[in-house]
Amino acid sequence: MHKQIIDEADLLETLSFIVPLPAPLQNRVNQEAIIENFSRKHLLLRPGEIARRLYFIRSGFLRAFFVDENGKECTTWFMSKGDLMISVYSFFTQNPAHEYIEVLQDCKLQSISWQQLNAYYADFPQGNLLGRIMTQKYYIMSEERAIFLRTQTPILRYEKLLEQHPDIQQQTSQTNIASYLGISRETLSRIRRKKLRMCHQTQNTKNSTPAIN
């Protein structure tokens, strides 16, 4: 029997790509980071809880969402292999979260605690720099998403999402995708049908073009 090899991302490699880490800091992360498996539909965080851990996705697919005043789930983020998954506000301020973090596909996560991360800040200059860069990155991403929703058409939002997550149609529901894009399921269905027609027209044009000898 052949053992299936699952490609996984690695926390240290990802952090070292952001900032080169000295060997003592790498050793600390290796010793202190824990690896856990979570099943689909598991909630890593609920509103009112404080995000105590910084999660790195070795494999799997997750989302963050909140429930609005009408009881509707509104997806704010999708995260996949190689991403850091946190409730940014709750983790960095250690205040109660306003959102859920849900596992959409069975996942393997590697994590460190808020206390451990702050010890890295105190003990290593590179740890402090790493923290600043990560904080800046997630606030910039949040601002970019706000601008993206205000300025881009629904079809451009959808195309951008497919660029970021090419397999998303198999990873989550159309309802979650539509809520992330800020559109209705009906609008999403129309966009998908339009793109499918365009693909067929393009393919037919290619097939009908005579070969040049």
C-alpha atoms as a PDB file:
ATOM      1  CA  MET A   1       0.000   0.000   0.000  1.00  0.00           C
ATOM      2  CA  HIS A   2       1.314   3.433  -0.919  1.00  0.00           C
ATOM      3  CA  LYS A   3       1.164   6.057   1.810  1.00  0.00           C
ATOM      4  CA  GLN A   4      -0.524   9.269   0.647  1.00  0.00           C
ATOM      5  CA  ILE A   5       1.740  12.279   0.935  1.00  0.00           C
ATOM      6  CA  ILE A   6      -0.101  15.457   1.875  1.00  0.00           C
ATOM      7  CA  ASP A   7       1.616  18.711   0.985  1.00  0.00           C
ATOM      8  CA  GLU A   8       1.652  20.959   4.044  1.00  0.00           C
ATOM      9  CA  ALA A   9       2.900  24.464   4.709  1.00  0.00           C
ATOM     10  CA  ASP A  10       5.313  25.155   7.560  1.00  0.00           C
ATOM     11  CA  LEU A  11       5.074  27.955  10.120  1.00  0.00           C
ATOM     12  CA  LEU A  12       8.813  28.571  10.466  1.00  0.00           C
ATOM     13  CA  GLU A  13       9.341  28.751   6.721  1.00  0.00           C
ATOM     14  CA  THR A  14       6.522  31.281   6.411  1.00  0.00           C
ATOM     15  CA  LEU A  15       7.756  33.460   9.291  1.00  0.00           C
ATOM     16  CA  SER A  16      11.349  33.299   8.022  1.00  0.00           C
ATOM     17  CA  PHE A  17      10.130  34.494   4.641  1.00  0.00           C
ATOM     18  CA  ILE A  18       8.731  37.616   6.325  1.00  0.00           C
ATOM     19  CA  VAL A  19      11.810  38.228   8.504  1.00  0.00           C
ATOM     20  CA  PRO A  20      14.983  36.062   8.676  1.00  0.00           C
ATOM     21  CA  LEU A  21      14.865  34.468  12.122  1.00  0.00           C
ATOM     22  CA  PRO A  22      17.965  33.633  14.227  1.00  0.00           C
ATOM     23  CA  ALA A  23      18.494  30.012  15.231  1.00  0.00           C
ATOM     24  CA  PRO A  24      17.550  30.557  18.923  1.00  0.00           C
ATOM     25  CA  LEU A  25      14.186  32.034  17.917  1.00  0.00           C
ATOM     26  CA  GLN A  26      13.585  29.231  15.432  1.00  0.00           C
ATOM     27  CA  ASN A  27      14.299  26.706  18.183  1.00  0.00           C
ATOM     28  CA  ARG A  28      11.837  28.441  20.521  1.00  0.00           C
ATOM     29  CA  VAL A  29       9.080  28.390  17.914  1.00  0.00           C
ATOM     30  CA  ASN A  30       9.752  24.710  17.160  1.00  0.00           C
ATOM     31  CA  GLN A  31       9.584  23.814  20.844  1.00  0.00           C
ATOM     32  CA  GLU A  32       6.530  25.885  21.724  1.00  0.00           C
ATOM     33  CA  ALA A  33       4.254  25.721  18.669  1.00  0.00           C
ATOM     34  CA  ILE A  34       1.590  23.031  18.899  1.00  0.00           C
ATOM     35  CA  ILE A  35      -0.011  21.153  16.003  1.00  0.00           C
ATOM     36  CA  GLU A  36      -3.692  20.239  16.139  1.00  0.00           C
ATOM     37  CA  ASN A  37      -6.223  18.719  13.762  1.00  0.00           C
ATOM     38  CA  PHE A  38      -9.746  20.120  13.513  1.00  0.00           C
ATOM     39  CA  SER A  39     -12.759  18.769  11.670  1.00  0.00           C
ATOM     40  CA  ARG A  40     -15.089  20.592   9.320  1.00  0.00           C
ATOM     41  CA  LYS A  41     -17.609  22.911  11.057  1.00  0.00           C
ATOM     42  CA  HIS A  42     -15.444  23.253  14.184  1.00  0.00           C
ATOM     43  CA  LEU A  43     -15.467  26.799  15.594  1.00  0.00           C
ATOM     44  CA  LEU A  44     -12.056  28.037  16.684  1.00  0.00           C
ATOM     45  CA  LEU A  45     -13.536  31.277  17.995  1.00  0.00           C
ATOM     46  CA  ARG A  46     -16.957  32.692  18.913  1.00  0.00           C
ATOM     47  CA  PRO A  47     -18.093  36.265  19.611  1.00  0.00           C
ATOM     48  CA  GLY A  48     -17.345  37.229  23.210  1.00  0.00           C
ATOM     49  CA  GLU A  49     -14.320  34.922  23.430  1.00  0.00           C
ATOM     50  CA  ILE A  50     -10.778  36.277  23.413  1.00  0.00           C
ATOM     51  CA  ALA A  51      -8.442  35.016  20.668  1.00  0.00           C
ATOM     52  CA  ARG A  52      -5.596  33.515  22.673  1.00  0.00           C
ATOM     53  CA  ARG A  53      -3.689  31.816  19.863  1.00  0.00           C
ATOM     54  CA  LEU A  54      -2.212  32.723  16.497  1.00  0.00           C
ATOM     55  CA  TYR A  55      -3.036  29.923  14.048  1.00  0.00           C
ATOM     56  CA  PHE A  56      -1.011  28.936  11.009  1.00  0.00           C
ATOM     57  CA  ILE A  57      -2.768  26.774   8.423  1.00  0.00           C
ATOM     58  CA  ARG A  58      -0.613  23.788   7.478  1.00  0.00           C
ATOM     59  CA  SER A  59      -3.517  22.358   5.476  1.00  0.00           C
ATOM     60  CA  GLY A  60      -7.240  22.984   5.180  1.00  0.00           C
ATOM     61  CA  PHE A  61      -9.605  25.897   4.571  1.00  0.00           C
ATOM     62  CA  LEU A  62     -11.273  28.293   7.042  1.00  0.00           C
ATOM     63  CA  ARG A  63     -13.392  31.415   7.140  1.00  0.00           C
ATOM     64  CA  ALA A  64     -14.166  34.269   9.522  1.00  0.00           C
ATOM     65  CA  PHE A  65     -17.721  35.589   9.716  1.00  0.00           C
ATOM     66  CA  PHE A  66     -20.120  37.584  11.845  1.00  0.00           C
ATOM     67  CA  VAL A  67     -23.897  37.491  12.213  1.00  0.00           C
ATOM     68  CA  ASP A  68     -25.677  40.761  11.428  1.00  0.00           C
ATOM     69  CA  GLU A  69     -28.753  42.244  13.137  1.00  0.00           C
ATOM     70  CA  ASN A  70     -31.020  40.236  10.811  1.00  0.00           C
ATOM     71  CA  GLY A  71     -29.371  36.941  11.737  1.00  0.00           C
ATOM     72  CA  LYS A  72     -27.522  36.675   8.425  1.00  0.00           C
ATOM     73  CA  GLU A  73     -23.989  35.262   8.335  1.00  0.00           C
ATOM     74  CA  CYS A  74     -21.533  37.640   6.655  1.00  0.00           C
ATOM     75  CA  THR A  75     -18.210  36.093   5.630  1.00  0.00           C
ATOM     76  CA  THR A  76     -15.270  38.478   6.040  1.00  0.00           C
ATOM     77  CA  TRP A  77     -12.259  36.268   5.258  1.00  0.00           C
ATOM     78  CA  PHE A  78     -11.287  33.003   3.633  1.00  0.00           C
ATOM     79  CA  MET A  79      -7.907  31.562   4.591  1.00  0.00           C
ATOM     80  CA  SER A  80      -6.072  28.532   3.232  1.00  0.00           C
ATOM     81  CA  LYS A  81      -2.782  26.651   3.435  1.00  0.00           C
ATOM     82  CA  GLY A  82       0.141  28.928   4.291  1.00  0.00           C
ATOM     83  CA  ASP A  83      -2.006  31.698   5.805  1.00  0.00           C
ATOM     84  CA  LEU A  84      -2.061  32.982   9.371  1.00  0.00           C
ATOM     85  CA  MET A  85      -5.599  32.870  10.760  1.00  0.00           C
ATOM     86  CA  ILE A  86      -6.580  35.167  13.641  1.00  0.00           C
ATOM     87  CA  SER A  87      -9.217  37.559  14.778  1.00  0.00           C
ATOM     88  CA  VAL A  88      -6.923  40.557  14.340  1.00  0.00           C
ATOM     89  CA  TYR A  89      -8.648  42.916  16.767  1.00  0.00           C
ATOM     90  CA  SER A  90      -9.218  40.342  19.502  1.00  0.00           C
ATOM     91  CA  PHE A  91      -5.759  38.771  19.326  1.00  0.00           C
ATOM     92  CA  PHE A  92      -3.672  41.930  19.300  1.00  0.00           C
ATOM     93  CA  THR A  93      -5.796  43.780  21.884  1.00  0.00           C
ATOM     94  CA  GLN A  94      -6.777  40.716  23.964  1.00  0.00           C
ATOM     95  CA  ASN A  95     -10.367  41.960  23.982  1.00  0.00           C
ATOM     96  CA  PRO A  96     -13.489  39.884  23.191  1.00  0.00           C
ATOM     97  CA  ALA A  97     -13.964  38.990  19.526  1.00  0.00           C
ATOM     98  CA  HIS A  98     -16.927  40.086  17.423  1.00  0.00           C
ATOM     99  CA  GLU A  99     -16.637  37.237  14.913  1.00  0.00           C
ATOM    100  CA  TYR A 100     -16.540  33.492  14.436  1.00  0.00           C
ATOM    101  CA  ILE A 101     -13.682  31.496  12.940  1.00  0.00           C
ATOM    102  CA  GLU A 102     -14.966  28.295  11.338  1.00  0.00           C
ATOM    103  CA  VAL A 103     -13.208  25.301   9.793  1.00  0.00           C
ATOM    104  CA  LEU A 104     -14.649  24.710   6.302  1.00  0.00           C
ATOM    105  CA  GLN A 105     -12.458  21.728   5.430  1.00  0.00           C
ATOM    106  CA  ASP A 106     -10.644  19.383   7.801  1.00  0.00           C
ATOM    107  CA  CYS A 107      -7.447  21.152   8.729  1.00  0.00           C
ATOM    108  CA  LYS A 108      -4.114  20.845  10.476  1.00  0.00           C
ATOM    109  CA  LEU A 109      -3.147  23.999  12.355  1.00  0.00           C
ATOM    110  CA  GLN A 110       0.061  25.060  14.043  1.00  0.00           C
ATOM    111  CA  SER A 111      -0.264  27.721  16.723  1.00  0.00           C
ATOM    112  CA  ILE A 112       1.491  29.827  19.333  1.00  0.00           C
ATOM    113  CA  SER A 113      -0.099  31.752  22.170  1.00  0.00           C
ATOM    114  CA  TRP A 114      -0.352  35.509  22.633  1.00  0.00           C
ATOM    115  CA  GLN A 115       1.996  35.221  25.636  1.00  0.00           C
ATOM    116  CA  GLN A 116       4.571  33.281  23.607  1.00  0.00           C
ATOM    117  CA  LEU A 117       4.458  35.792  20.760  1.00  0.00           C
ATOM    118  CA  ASN A 118       4.972  38.687  23.141  1.00  0.00           C
ATOM    119  CA  ALA A 119       7.911  36.854  24.736  1.00  0.00           C
ATOM    120  CA  TYR A 120       9.477  36.635  21.274  1.00  0.00           C
ATOM    121  CA  TYR A 121       8.995  40.394  20.938  1.00  0.00           C
ATOM    122  CA  ALA A 122      10.783  40.980  24.226  1.00  0.00           C
ATOM    123  CA  ASP A 123      13.608  38.482  23.739  1.00  0.00           C
ATOM    124  CA  PHE A 124      14.493  38.976  20.065  1.00  0.00           C
ATOM    125  CA  PRO A 125      14.718  42.149  17.946  1.00  0.00           C
ATOM    126  CA  GLN A 126      13.603  40.079  14.945  1.00  0.00           C
ATOM    127  CA  GLY A 127      10.528  38.946  16.894  1.00  0.00           C
ATOM    128  CA  ASN A 128       9.549  42.553  17.522  1.00  0.00           C
ATOM    129  CA  LEU A 129       9.986  43.395  13.841  1.00  0.00           C
ATOM    130  CA  LEU A 130       7.991  40.330  12.838  1.00  0.00           C
ATOM    131  CA  GLY A 131       5.093  41.415  15.059  1.00  0.00           C
ATOM    132  CA  ARG A 132       5.010  44.913  13.589  1.00  0.00           C
ATOM    133  CA  ILE A 133       5.059  43.599  10.032  1.00  0.00           C
ATOM    134  CA  MET A 134       2.258  41.104  10.709  1.00  0.00           C
ATOM    135  CA  THR A 135       0.105  43.752  12.382  1.00  0.00           C
ATOM    136  CA  GLN A 136       0.625  46.140   9.477  1.00  0.00           C
ATOM    137  CA  LYS A 137      -0.127  43.395   6.958  1.00  0.00           C
ATOM    138  CA  TYR A 138      -3.495  42.502   8.448  1.00  0.00           C
ATOM    139  CA  TYR A 139      -4.651  46.086   8.872  1.00  0.00           C
ATOM    140  CA  ILE A 140      -3.626  46.810   5.277  1.00  0.00           C
ATOM    141  CA  MET A 141      -5.543  43.720   4.122  1.00  0.00           C
ATOM    142  CA  SER A 142      -8.602  44.929   6.024  1.00  0.00           C
ATOM    143  CA  GLU A 143      -8.404  48.364   4.390  1.00  0.00           C
ATOM    144  CA  GLU A 144      -7.862  46.847   0.942  1.00  0.00           C
ATOM    145  CA  ARG A 145     -10.940  44.659   1.389  1.00  0.00           C
ATOM    146  CA  ALA A 146     -13.068  47.660   2.373  1.00  0.00           C
ATOM    147  CA  ILE A 147     -11.899  49.575  -0.712  1.00  0.00           C
ATOM    148  CA  PHE A 148     -12.368  46.466  -2.874  1.00  0.00           C
ATOM    149  CA  LEU A 149     -16.026  46.103  -1.836  1.00  0.00           C
ATOM    150  CA  ARG A 150     -16.742  49.797  -2.415  1.00  0.00           C
ATOM    151  CA  THR A 151     -15.051  50.231  -5.781  1.00  0.00           C
ATOM    152  CA  GLN A 152     -15.114  46.930  -7.704  1.00  0.00           C
ATOM    153  CA  THR A 153     -18.019  45.459  -9.638  1.00  0.00           C
ATOM    154  CA  PRO A 154     -19.424  42.090  -8.474  1.00  0.00           C
ATOM    155  CA  ILE A 155     -17.873  40.218 -11.399  1.00  0.00           C
ATOM    156  CA  LEU A 156     -14.436  41.716 -10.704  1.00  0.00           C
ATOM    157  CA  ARG A 157     -14.765  40.768  -7.033  1.00  0.00           C
ATOM    158  CA  TYR A 158     -15.612  37.216  -8.066  1.00  0.00           C
ATOM    159  CA  GLU A 159     -12.669  36.998 -10.466  1.00  0.00           C
ATOM    160  CA  LYS A 160     -10.304  38.295  -7.794  1.00  0.00           C
ATOM    161  CA  LEU A 161     -11.597  35.693  -5.345  1.00  0.00           C
ATOM    162  CA  LEU A 162     -10.959  32.929  -7.897  1.00  0.00           C
ATOM    163  CA  GLU A 163      -7.411  34.207  -8.345  1.00  0.00           C
ATOM    164  CA  GLN A 164      -6.832  33.990  -4.600  1.00  0.00           C
ATOM    165  CA  HIS A 165      -8.651  30.683  -4.066  1.00  0.00           C
ATOM    166  CA  PRO A 166      -8.957  28.764  -7.375  1.00  0.00           C
ATOM    167  CA  ASP A 167     -10.657  25.752  -5.739  1.00  0.00           C
ATOM    168  CA  ILE A 168     -13.139  27.698  -3.642  1.00  0.00           C
ATOM    169  CA  GLN A 169     -16.179  26.248  -5.441  1.00  0.00           C
ATOM    170  CA  GLN A 170     -15.257  22.861  -3.948  1.00  0.00           C
ATOM    171  CA  GLN A 171     -14.209  24.260  -0.566  1.00  0.00           C
ATOM    172  CA  THR A 172     -17.314  26.115   0.611  1.00  0.00           C
ATOM    173  CA  SER A 173     -20.936  26.903  -0.190  1.00  0.00           C
ATOM    174  CA  GLN A 174     -22.287  29.411  -2.690  1.00  0.00           C
ATOM    175  CA  THR A 175     -23.960  31.179   0.229  1.00  0.00           C
ATOM    176  CA  ASN A 176     -20.589  31.792   1.899  1.00  0.00           C
ATOM    177  CA  ILE A 177     -19.023  32.957  -1.342  1.00  0.00           C
ATOM    178  CA  ALA A 178     -21.895  35.363  -2.040  1.00  0.00           C
ATOM    179  CA  SER A 179     -21.747  36.833   1.467  1.00  0.00           C
ATOM    180  CA  TYR A 180     -17.983  37.372   1.144  1.00  0.00           C
ATOM    181  CA  LEU A 181     -18.519  39.209  -2.155  1.00  0.00           C
ATOM    182  CA  GLY A 182     -21.328  41.294  -0.692  1.00  0.00           C
ATOM    183  CA  ILE A 183     -23.893  40.059  -3.219  1.00  0.00           C
ATOM    184  CA  SER A 184     -26.941  37.776  -3.245  1.00  0.00           C
ATOM    185  CA  ARG A 185     -26.804  34.117  -4.243  1.00  0.00           C
ATOM    186  CA  GLU A 186     -28.920  34.985  -7.277  1.00  0.00           C
ATOM    187  CA  THR A 187     -26.377  37.565  -8.438  1.00  0.00           C
ATOM    188  CA  LEU A 188     -23.567  35.061  -7.922  1.00  0.00           C
ATOM    189  CA  SER A 189     -25.446  32.478 -10.002  1.00  0.00           C
ATOM    190  CA  ARG A 190     -25.861  35.002 -12.837  1.00  0.00           C
ATOM    191  CA  ILE A 191     -22.145  35.829 -12.716  1.00  0.00           C
ATOM    192  CA  ARG A 192     -21.183  32.152 -12.836  1.00  0.00           C
ATOM    193  CA  ARG A 193     -23.525  31.496 -15.788  1.00  0.00           C
ATOM    194  CA  LYS A 194     -22.116  34.507 -17.644  1.00  0.00           C
ATOM    195  CA  LYS A 195     -18.536  33.379 -17.110  1.00  0.00           C
ATOM    196  CA  LEU A 196     -19.442  29.849 -18.235  1.00  0.00           C
ATOM    197  CA  ARG A 197     -20.984  31.197 -21.459  1.00  0.00           C
ATOM    198  CA  MET A 198     -17.903  33.319 -22.087  1.00  0.00           C
ATOM    199  CA  CYS A 199     -15.663  30.281 -21.609  1.00  0.00           C
ATOM    200  CA  HIS A 200     -17.763  28.246 -24.049  1.00  0.00           C
ATOM    201  CA  GLN A 201     -17.726  31.060 -26.627  1.00  0.00           C
ATOM    202  CA  THR A 202     -13.962  31.387 -26.322  1.00  0.00           C
ATOM    203  CA  GLN A 203     -13.519  27.637 -26.717  1.00  0.00           C
ATOM    204  CA  ASN A 204     -15.837  27.516 -29.723  1.00  0.00           C
ATOM    205  CA  THR A 205     -13.946  30.387 -31.356  1.00  0.00           C
ATOM    206  CA  LYS A 206     -10.665  28.527 -30.886  1.00  0.00           C
ATOM    207  CA  ASN A 207     -12.118  25.321 -32.305  1.00  0.00           C
ATOM    208  CA  SER A 208     -13.594  27.079 -35.358  1.00  0.00           C
ATOM    209  CA  THR A 209     -10.405  28.997 -36.221  1.00  0.00           C
ATOM    210  CA  PRO A 210      -8.737  27.221 -39.175  1.00  0.00           C
ATOM    211  CA  ALA A 211      -5.174  26.099 -38.674  1.00  0.00           C
ATOM    212  CA  ILE A 212      -2.571  27.987 -40.683  1.00  0.00           C
ATOM    213  CA  ASN A 213      -0.151  25.667 -42.439  1.00  0.00           C
END
